[in-house]
C-alpha cells in the first residue's frame, strides 16, 4: 500500500518512509489545530482519490497538545468539500484520527441529522 503522511509532528518524522506518490491509497494528515487543518486539508484533498483512505490526526483533549479541534468540531474545510467523518481511532496517547469519506461513497448514513 502506498501511503502519504502530511505534516507529521517532529517526534513522528523519524522512521516514516518518504513518499512521492501522486496517488496514494492512504493519506494520513496531521492537524494540531484549525489553522493547520486549513493548510493541510487542501494538500490532502488534492491527493485523495475516490475510494481512497483519508485520515486526519488531531490532538486528544487529554493529551499534552492543546487544540481547538475535537471529534465533533473544526472540520469545516472537509465537510464543505463533501466529506464526512466515518471512523475514529486512537493513534497513541497524544493523537486520535478521523477517517473521512465523500458523502456519496458512504453506503448508509447512520448518523442523525
Protein backbone atom coordinates (compact mmCIF):
# COMPACT_ATOMS: atom_id res chain seq x y z
CA UNK A 1 0.00 0.00 0.00
CA UNK A 2 1.30 3.43 -0.94
CA UNK A 3 0.85 5.97 1.87
CA UNK A 4 1.33 9.70 2.19
CA UNK A 5 1.89 11.24 5.62
CA UNK A 6 1.36 15.00 5.67
CA UNK A 7 2.73 17.32 8.36
CA UNK A 8 3.73 14.68 10.93
CA UNK A 9 4.82 16.05 14.30
CA UNK A 10 8.56 16.22 14.90
CA UNK A 11 8.57 13.15 17.14
CA UNK A 12 6.99 11.01 14.44
CA UNK A 13 9.02 12.17 11.44
CA UNK A 14 11.90 9.86 12.27
CA UNK A 15 11.24 6.43 10.83
CA UNK A 16 8.47 7.40 8.42
CA UNK A 17 9.16 6.48 4.82
CA UNK A 18 9.42 9.31 2.33
CA UNK A 19 6.81 9.10 -0.41
CA UNK A 20 6.45 10.94 -3.65
CA UNK A 21 3.32 9.11 -4.78
CA UNK A 22 0.88 11.26 -6.70
CA UNK A 23 -1.99 8.85 -5.98
CA UNK A 24 -1.51 7.27 -2.55
CA UNK A 25 -4.02 4.69 -1.35
CA UNK A 26 -3.86 6.05 2.20
CA UNK A 27 -3.35 9.62 3.36
CA UNK A 28 -2.68 10.49 6.99
CA UNK A 29 -2.60 14.23 7.61
CA UNK A 30 -1.73 15.72 10.99
CA UNK A 31 -3.51 18.88 12.14
CA UNK A 32 -2.72 20.17 15.63
CA UNK A 33 -5.36 22.94 15.30
CA UNK A 34 -7.88 24.50 12.91
CA UNK A 35 -5.32 26.78 11.29
CA UNK A 36 -3.09 23.80 10.47
CA UNK A 37 -6.11 21.86 9.22
CA UNK A 38 -6.89 24.67 6.80
CA UNK A 39 -3.36 24.47 5.41
CA UNK A 40 -3.04 20.69 5.16
CA UNK A 41 -6.61 19.95 4.00
CA UNK A 42 -6.06 21.37 0.51
CA UNK A 43 -2.95 19.21 0.01
CA UNK A 44 -4.72 16.11 1.30
CA UNK A 45 -7.77 16.69 -0.89
CA UNK A 46 -5.56 17.13 -3.95
CA UNK A 47 -4.10 13.65 -3.28
CA UNK A 48 -7.38 11.97 -2.34
CA UNK A 49 -8.92 9.68 -4.93
CA UNK A 50 -12.38 8.15 -4.85
CA UNK A 51 -12.23 5.02 -2.74
CA UNK A 52 -9.01 6.07 -1.05
CA UNK A 53 -8.42 6.21 2.67
CA UNK A 54 -8.23 9.72 4.07
CA UNK A 55 -7.37 10.15 7.76
CA UNK A 56 -6.81 13.33 9.76
CA UNK A 57 -4.96 13.09 13.07
CA UNK A 58 -5.70 15.66 15.77
CA UNK A 59 -4.63 16.04 19.42
CA UNK A 60 -6.63 14.28 22.10
CA UNK A 61 -8.27 16.53 24.69
CA UNK A 62 -6.44 14.59 27.43
CA UNK A 63 -3.04 14.82 25.73
CA UNK A 64 -0.24 17.36 26.11
CA UNK A 65 -1.02 19.28 22.88
CA UNK A 66 -3.75 21.95 23.19
CA UNK A 67 -6.11 22.22 20.24
CA UNK A 68 -9.32 23.81 19.01
CA UNK A 69 -10.15 20.61 17.08
CA UNK A 70 -12.09 17.69 18.51
CA UNK A 71 -14.14 14.82 17.15
CA UNK A 72 -17.22 17.00 16.63
CA UNK A 73 -15.83 20.46 15.85
CA UNK A 74 -13.50 22.24 13.48
CA UNK A 75 -13.71 20.09 10.35
CA UNK A 76 -15.39 22.65 8.07
CA UNK A 77 -12.66 22.58 5.39
CA UNK A 78 -13.51 18.90 4.89
CA UNK A 79 -17.28 18.93 5.39
CA UNK A 80 -17.60 21.87 2.98
CA UNK A 81 -15.79 19.70 0.41
CA UNK A 82 -18.46 16.98 0.82
CA UNK A 83 -16.54 14.72 3.21
CA UNK A 84 -17.95 13.23 6.40
CA UNK A 85 -16.19 11.52 9.32
CA UNK A 86 -16.91 7.78 9.38
CA UNK A 87 -14.40 6.20 11.80
CA UNK A 88 -12.34 7.32 14.77
CA UNK A 89 -9.22 5.61 16.17
CA UNK A 90 -6.61 6.37 18.80
CA UNK A 91 -3.10 6.56 17.35
CA UNK A 92 -1.29 6.94 20.68
CA UNK A 93 -1.60 8.84 23.98
CA UNK A 94 -1.45 12.19 22.15
CA UNK A 95 -3.21 11.71 18.80
CA UNK A 96 -6.60 10.48 17.61
CA UNK A 97 -7.57 10.23 13.95
CA UNK A 98 -10.78 10.51 11.98
CA UNK A 99 -11.33 8.84 8.64
CA UNK A 100 -13.27 10.94 6.15
CA UNK A 101 -15.14 9.77 3.07
CA UNK A 102 -17.10 11.54 0.38
CA UNK A 103 -20.81 11.53 1.21
CA UNK A 104 -21.60 9.59 -1.99
CA UNK A 105 -19.10 6.85 -1.01
CA UNK A 106 -20.94 6.07 2.22
CA UNK A 107 -23.45 3.27 1.54
CA UNK A 108 -25.71 4.10 4.50
CA UNK A 109 -25.63 7.23 6.59
CA UNK A 110 -26.40 6.07 10.12
CA UNK A 111 -25.92 9.37 11.92
CA UNK A 112 -28.71 11.67 12.96
CA UNK A 113 -29.01 14.97 11.12
